[in-house]
């Protein structure tokens, strides 16, 4: 048996809370550097990961990956993010896309 299988529910909850707090520190720091506040979306990436896409007040965006949806949602809550259901509408319109992203998107479209 692995240690994950033998861990008690309390130990598992404590580990998840520590992970959420660690991710929240990064989200809080990002928000402070980009206008003082941030909004985001918590999305499933697959079975074992969740992506928190965060948009600062200045339109700069970034992301963090959490091991589970619950940890991602808790991290966003601890960081004080306004969490949206989808990355559409006003949130999507506020995102500033830099030259790096445009070059990457063009390269992907052109097969490079």
N, C-alpha and C. Protein backbone atom coordinates (compact mmCIF):
# COMPACT_ATOMS: atom_id res chain seq x y z
N UNK A 1 0.83 -1.19 0.00
CA UNK A 1 0.00 0.00 0.00
C UNK A 1 0.87 1.25 0.00
N UNK A 2 0.40 2.25 -0.72
CA UNK A 2 1.14 3.52 -0.73
C UNK A 2 0.76 4.35 0.48
N UNK A 3 1.56 5.38 0.74
CA UNK A 3 1.27 6.24 1.89
C UNK A 3 -0.04 6.99 1.70
N UNK A 4 -0.42 7.26 0.43
CA UNK A 4 -1.69 7.95 0.17
C UNK A 4 -2.87 7.06 0.56
N UNK A 5 -2.70 5.75 0.39
CA UNK A 5 -3.78 4.82 0.73
C UNK A 5 -3.90 4.63 2.24
N UNK A 6 -2.81 4.83 2.98
CA UNK A 6 -2.85 4.62 4.42
C UNK A 6 -3.05 5.91 5.20
N UNK A 7 -3.03 7.06 4.51
CA UNK A 7 -3.20 8.35 5.18
C UNK A 7 -4.61 8.48 5.74
N UNK A 8 -4.70 9.07 6.91
CA UNK A 8 -6.01 9.30 7.51
C UNK A 8 -6.69 10.46 6.80
N UNK A 9 -8.02 10.55 6.87
CA UNK A 9 -8.71 11.69 6.26
C UNK A 9 -8.22 13.03 6.81
N UNK A 10 -7.91 13.09 8.10
CA UNK A 10 -7.43 14.34 8.69
C UNK A 10 -6.07 14.72 8.11
N UNK A 11 -5.18 13.73 7.92
CA UNK A 11 -3.87 14.01 7.35
C UNK A 11 -4.00 14.46 5.90
N UNK A 12 -4.89 13.83 5.17
CA UNK A 12 -5.14 14.20 3.78
C UNK A 12 -5.69 15.62 3.70
N UNK A 13 -6.63 15.96 4.58
CA UNK A 13 -7.18 17.31 4.62
C UNK A 13 -6.12 18.34 4.98
N UNK A 14 -5.25 18.01 5.91
CA UNK A 14 -4.19 18.94 6.31
C UNK A 14 -3.21 19.16 5.17
N UNK A 15 -2.88 18.11 4.44
CA UNK A 15 -1.98 18.22 3.30
C UNK A 15 -2.60 19.08 2.22
N UNK A 16 -3.88 18.89 1.94
CA UNK A 16 -4.58 19.68 0.93
C UNK A 16 -4.62 21.16 1.34
N UNK A 17 -4.84 21.43 2.61
CA UNK A 17 -4.87 22.81 3.09
C UNK A 17 -3.50 23.47 2.95
N UNK A 18 -2.43 22.73 3.25
CA UNK A 18 -1.07 23.28 3.08
C UNK A 18 -0.80 23.60 1.62
N UNK A 19 -1.20 22.72 0.74
CA UNK A 19 -1.01 22.98 -0.70
C UNK A 19 -1.80 24.20 -1.14
N UNK A 20 -3.03 24.30 -0.68
CA UNK A 20 -3.87 25.45 -1.03
C UNK A 20 -3.24 26.75 -0.54
N UNK A 21 -2.70 26.74 0.67
CA UNK A 21 -2.07 27.94 1.22
C UNK A 21 -0.82 28.32 0.42
N UNK A 22 -0.04 27.33 0.02
CA UNK A 22 1.17 27.58 -0.76
C UNK A 22 0.81 28.21 -2.12
N UNK A 23 -0.19 27.68 -2.78
CA UNK A 23 -0.64 28.22 -4.07
C UNK A 23 -1.23 29.61 -3.86
N UNK A 24 -1.99 29.80 -2.79
CA UNK A 24 -2.62 31.10 -2.52
C UNK A 24 -1.56 32.19 -2.34
N UNK A 25 -0.41 31.85 -1.76
CA UNK A 25 0.67 32.84 -1.61
C UNK A 25 1.12 33.35 -2.97
N UNK A 26 1.24 32.45 -3.94
CA UNK A 26 1.63 32.84 -5.30
C UNK A 26 0.55 33.72 -5.95
N UNK A 27 -0.70 33.34 -5.76
CA UNK A 27 -1.80 34.11 -6.34
C UNK A 27 -1.90 35.49 -5.72
N UNK A 28 -1.72 35.57 -4.41
CA UNK A 28 -1.75 36.86 -3.71
C UNK A 28 -0.61 37.76 -4.17
N UNK A 29 0.56 37.18 -4.33
CA UNK A 29 1.72 37.94 -4.80
C UNK A 29 1.48 38.46 -6.22
N UNK A 30 0.92 37.61 -7.07
CA UNK A 30 0.61 38.03 -8.44
C UNK A 30 -0.36 39.20 -8.43
N UNK A 31 -1.42 39.09 -7.65
CA UNK A 31 -2.41 40.17 -7.57
C UNK A 31 -1.77 41.47 -7.10
N UNK A 32 -0.90 41.40 -6.10
CA UNK A 32 -0.24 42.59 -5.57
C UNK A 32 0.64 43.26 -6.62
N UNK A 33 1.28 42.46 -7.45
CA UNK A 33 2.16 42.99 -8.49
C UNK A 33 1.41 43.54 -9.70
N UNK A 34 0.14 43.16 -9.83
CA UNK A 34 -0.61 43.53 -11.04
C UNK A 34 -1.91 44.25 -10.72
N UNK A 35 -1.79 45.30 -9.94
CA UNK A 35 -2.93 46.18 -9.70
C UNK A 35 -3.62 46.01 -8.37
N UNK A 36 -3.17 45.07 -7.54
CA UNK A 36 -3.71 44.94 -6.21
C UNK A 36 -4.87 43.97 -6.05
N UNK A 37 -5.46 43.55 -7.14
CA UNK A 37 -6.55 42.57 -7.04
C UNK A 37 -6.50 41.67 -8.27
N UNK A 38 -7.25 40.59 -8.22
CA UNK A 38 -7.26 39.66 -9.35
C UNK A 38 -8.56 38.87 -9.35
N UNK A 39 -8.87 38.36 -10.51
CA UNK A 39 -10.02 37.49 -10.70
C UNK A 39 -9.52 36.24 -11.40
N UNK A 40 -10.29 35.18 -11.34
CA UNK A 40 -9.81 33.98 -11.98
C UNK A 40 -10.89 32.95 -12.26
N UNK A 41 -10.42 31.87 -12.86
CA UNK A 41 -11.26 30.73 -13.19
C UNK A 41 -10.50 29.48 -12.76
N UNK A 42 -11.20 28.57 -12.12
CA UNK A 42 -10.61 27.29 -11.73
C UNK A 42 -11.17 26.25 -12.69
N UNK A 43 -10.26 25.58 -13.42
CA UNK A 43 -10.67 24.65 -14.48
C UNK A 43 -9.99 23.30 -14.31
N UNK A 44 -10.71 22.23 -14.62
CA UNK A 44 -10.11 20.91 -14.65
C UNK A 44 -9.15 20.83 -15.84
N UNK A 45 -7.96 20.27 -15.62
CA UNK A 45 -7.02 20.02 -16.71
C UNK A 45 -7.08 18.55 -17.08
N UNK A 46 -7.32 17.73 -16.12
CA UNK A 46 -7.38 16.29 -16.32
C UNK A 46 -7.74 15.64 -15.00
N UNK A 47 -7.49 14.38 -14.91
CA UNK A 47 -7.84 13.65 -13.68
C UNK A 47 -7.02 14.10 -12.48
N UNK A 48 -5.79 14.52 -12.73
CA UNK A 48 -4.90 14.79 -11.61
C UNK A 48 -4.43 16.23 -11.52
N UNK A 49 -5.10 17.14 -12.19
CA UNK A 49 -4.66 18.53 -12.12
C UNK A 49 -5.80 19.50 -12.39
N UNK A 50 -5.66 20.66 -11.81
CA UNK A 50 -6.61 21.75 -11.99
C UNK A 50 -5.79 23.01 -12.24
N UNK A 51 -6.24 23.82 -13.17
CA UNK A 51 -5.53 25.06 -13.52
C UNK A 51 -6.32 26.25 -13.00
N UNK A 52 -5.62 27.15 -12.33
CA UNK A 52 -6.21 28.40 -11.87
C UNK A 52 -5.67 29.48 -12.80
N UNK A 53 -6.51 30.01 -13.67
CA UNK A 53 -6.11 31.11 -14.55
C UNK A 53 -6.50 32.38 -13.83
N UNK A 54 -5.52 33.27 -13.63
CA UNK A 54 -5.74 34.47 -12.85
C UNK A 54 -5.43 35.70 -13.71
N UNK A 55 -6.30 36.71 -13.61
CA UNK A 55 -6.13 37.96 -14.36
C UNK A 55 -6.04 39.10 -13.35
N UNK A 56 -4.92 39.82 -13.39
CA UNK A 56 -4.72 40.94 -12.49
C UNK A 56 -5.56 42.13 -12.91
N UNK A 57 -5.66 43.10 -12.02
CA UNK A 57 -6.44 44.31 -12.30
C UNK A 57 -5.91 45.06 -13.51
N UNK A 58 -4.60 44.89 -13.81
CA UNK A 58 -4.01 45.57 -14.97
C UNK A 58 -4.13 44.77 -16.26
N UNK A 59 -4.77 43.61 -16.23
CA UNK A 59 -4.98 42.80 -17.43
C UNK A 59 -3.92 41.73 -17.66
N UNK A 60 -2.86 41.74 -16.87
CA UNK A 60 -1.83 40.71 -16.98
C UNK A 60 -2.41 39.40 -16.45
N UNK A 61 -2.07 38.31 -17.12
CA UNK A 61 -2.62 37.03 -16.69
C UNK A 61 -1.51 36.03 -16.42
N UNK A 62 -1.86 35.03 -15.67
CA UNK A 62 -0.94 33.95 -15.34
C UNK A 62 -1.74 32.75 -14.89
N UNK A 63 -1.06 31.72 -14.47
CA UNK A 63 -1.78 30.56 -13.98
C UNK A 63 -0.96 29.80 -12.95
N UNK A 64 -1.66 28.99 -12.22
CA UNK A 64 -1.08 28.08 -11.24
C UNK A 64 -1.78 26.75 -11.41
N UNK A 65 -1.09 25.67 -11.13
CA UNK A 65 -1.68 24.35 -11.23
C UNK A 65 -1.81 23.77 -9.83
N UNK A 66 -2.97 23.21 -9.55
CA UNK A 66 -3.25 22.57 -8.26
C UNK A 66 -3.50 21.09 -8.51
N UNK A 67 -3.29 20.25 -7.51
CA UNK A 67 -3.47 18.82 -7.70
C UNK A 67 -4.94 18.38 -7.84
N UNK A 68 -5.86 19.14 -7.26
CA UNK A 68 -7.27 18.80 -7.35
C UNK A 68 -8.10 20.08 -7.50
N UNK A 69 -9.33 19.90 -7.93
CA UNK A 69 -10.23 21.05 -8.07
C UNK A 69 -10.48 21.69 -6.71
N UNK A 70 -10.68 20.87 -5.69
CA UNK A 70 -10.94 21.39 -4.34
C UNK A 70 -9.78 22.23 -3.83
N UNK A 71 -8.56 21.78 -4.06
CA UNK A 71 -7.38 22.54 -3.63
C UNK A 71 -7.29 23.84 -4.42
N UNK A 72 -7.55 23.80 -5.73
CA UNK A 72 -7.52 25.01 -6.55
C UNK A 72 -8.56 26.02 -6.11
N UNK A 73 -9.74 25.56 -5.85
CA UNK A 73 -10.81 26.45 -5.40
C UNK A 73 -10.50 27.04 -4.03
N UNK A 74 -9.95 26.22 -3.14
CA UNK A 74 -9.58 26.71 -1.80
C UNK A 74 -8.45 27.74 -1.90
N UNK A 75 -7.48 27.51 -2.78
CA UNK A 75 -6.38 28.46 -2.95
C UNK A 75 -6.91 29.80 -3.46
N UNK A 76 -7.82 29.76 -4.42
CA UNK A 76 -8.41 30.99 -4.95
C UNK A 76 -9.17 31.73 -3.85
N UNK A 77 -9.87 30.97 -3.02
CA UNK A 77 -10.61 31.56 -1.90
C UNK A 77 -9.66 32.21 -0.90
N UNK A 78 -8.59 31.50 -0.53
CA UNK A 78 -7.62 32.04 0.42
C UNK A 78 -6.93 33.29 -0.12
N UNK A 79 -6.73 33.35 -1.43
CA UNK A 79 -6.08 34.50 -2.05
C UNK A 79 -7.02 35.67 -2.26
N UNK A 80 -8.30 35.45 -2.01
CA UNK A 80 -9.28 36.53 -2.18
C UNK A 80 -9.65 36.81 -3.62
N UNK A 81 -9.45 35.83 -4.50
CA UNK A 81 -9.81 36.02 -5.90
C UNK A 81 -11.32 36.01 -6.07
N UNK A 82 -11.81 36.80 -6.99
CA UNK A 82 -13.19 36.67 -7.45
C UNK A 82 -13.15 35.55 -8.46
N UNK A 83 -13.86 34.46 -8.20
CA UNK A 83 -13.83 33.29 -9.08
C UNK A 83 -15.05 33.29 -10.00
N UNK A 84 -14.79 33.16 -11.29
CA UNK A 84 -15.84 33.10 -12.30
C UNK A 84 -16.04 31.65 -12.73
N UNK A 85 -17.24 31.37 -13.26
CA UNK A 85 -17.54 30.02 -13.74
C UNK A 85 -16.83 29.71 -15.05
N UNK A 86 -16.70 30.74 -15.91
CA UNK A 86 -16.06 30.54 -17.21
C UNK A 86 -15.12 31.69 -17.52
N UNK A 87 -14.27 31.48 -18.49
CA UNK A 87 -13.30 32.48 -18.91
C UNK A 87 -13.86 33.21 -20.14
N UNK A 88 -15.02 33.77 -19.97
CA UNK A 88 -15.70 34.45 -21.06
C UNK A 88 -16.13 35.83 -20.60
N UNK A 89 -16.68 36.60 -21.52
CA UNK A 89 -17.24 37.90 -21.17
C UNK A 89 -16.19 38.88 -20.71
N UNK A 90 -16.54 39.64 -19.67
CA UNK A 90 -15.67 40.72 -19.18
C UNK A 90 -14.28 40.23 -18.79
N UNK A 91 -14.20 39.08 -18.15
CA UNK A 91 -12.90 38.57 -17.71
C UNK A 91 -11.99 38.32 -18.91
N UNK A 92 -12.49 37.65 -19.90
CA UNK A 92 -11.72 37.37 -21.10
C UNK A 92 -11.32 38.64 -21.85
N UNK A 93 -12.19 39.62 -21.86
CA UNK A 93 -11.90 40.88 -22.55
C UNK A 93 -10.83 41.70 -21.85
N UNK A 94 -10.66 41.52 -20.55
CA UNK A 94 -9.67 42.29 -19.79
C UNK A 94 -8.25 41.79 -19.97
N UNK A 95 -8.08 40.60 -20.49
CA UNK A 95 -6.75 40.00 -20.62
C UNK A 95 -5.92 40.74 -21.67
N UNK A 96 -4.73 41.13 -21.26
CA UNK A 96 -3.78 41.76 -22.18
C UNK A 96 -2.85 40.66 -22.70
N UNK A 97 -2.84 40.48 -23.99
CA UNK A 97 -1.98 39.49 -24.61
C UNK A 97 -0.75 40.18 -25.14
N UNK A 98 0.40 39.74 -24.70
CA UNK A 98 1.66 40.37 -25.10
C UNK A 98 2.23 39.81 -26.39
N UNK A 99 3.35 40.36 -26.80
CA UNK A 99 3.98 39.93 -28.06
C UNK A 99 4.40 38.46 -28.00
N UNK A 100 4.83 38.01 -26.83
CA UNK A 100 5.23 36.60 -26.69
C UNK A 100 4.07 35.67 -27.06
N UNK A 101 2.90 35.94 -26.50
CA UNK A 101 1.74 35.09 -26.78
C UNK A 101 1.36 35.14 -28.26
N UNK A 102 1.39 36.33 -28.85
CA UNK A 102 1.03 36.45 -30.27
C UNK A 102 2.02 35.68 -31.13
N UNK A 103 3.30 35.75 -30.82
CA UNK A 103 4.30 34.99 -31.59
C UNK A 103 4.08 33.50 -31.43
N UNK A 104 3.80 33.06 -30.21
CA UNK A 104 3.54 31.64 -29.96
C UNK A 104 2.31 31.16 -30.71
N UNK A 105 1.25 31.96 -30.67
CA UNK A 105 0.01 31.56 -31.36
C UNK A 105 0.25 31.49 -32.85
N UNK A 106 0.97 32.45 -33.42
CA UNK A 106 1.25 32.44 -34.85
C UNK A 106 2.11 31.24 -35.21
N UNK A 107 3.08 30.93 -34.38
CA UNK A 107 3.94 29.79 -34.63
C UNK A 107 3.17 28.47 -34.63
N UNK A 108 2.23 28.36 -33.70
CA UNK A 108 1.42 27.15 -33.64
C UNK A 108 0.55 27.03 -34.89
N UNK A 109 -0.04 28.14 -35.31
CA UNK A 109 -0.89 28.13 -36.50
C UNK A 109 -0.09 27.81 -37.75
N UNK A 110 1.16 28.23 -37.79
CA UNK A 110 1.99 28.01 -38.96
C UNK A 110 2.76 26.71 -38.89
N UNK A 111 2.52 25.95 -37.83
CA UNK A 111 3.17 24.66 -37.69
C UNK A 111 4.54 24.72 -37.06
N UNK A 112 4.87 25.85 -36.44
CA UNK A 112 6.21 25.99 -35.85
C UNK A 112 6.12 26.12 -34.43
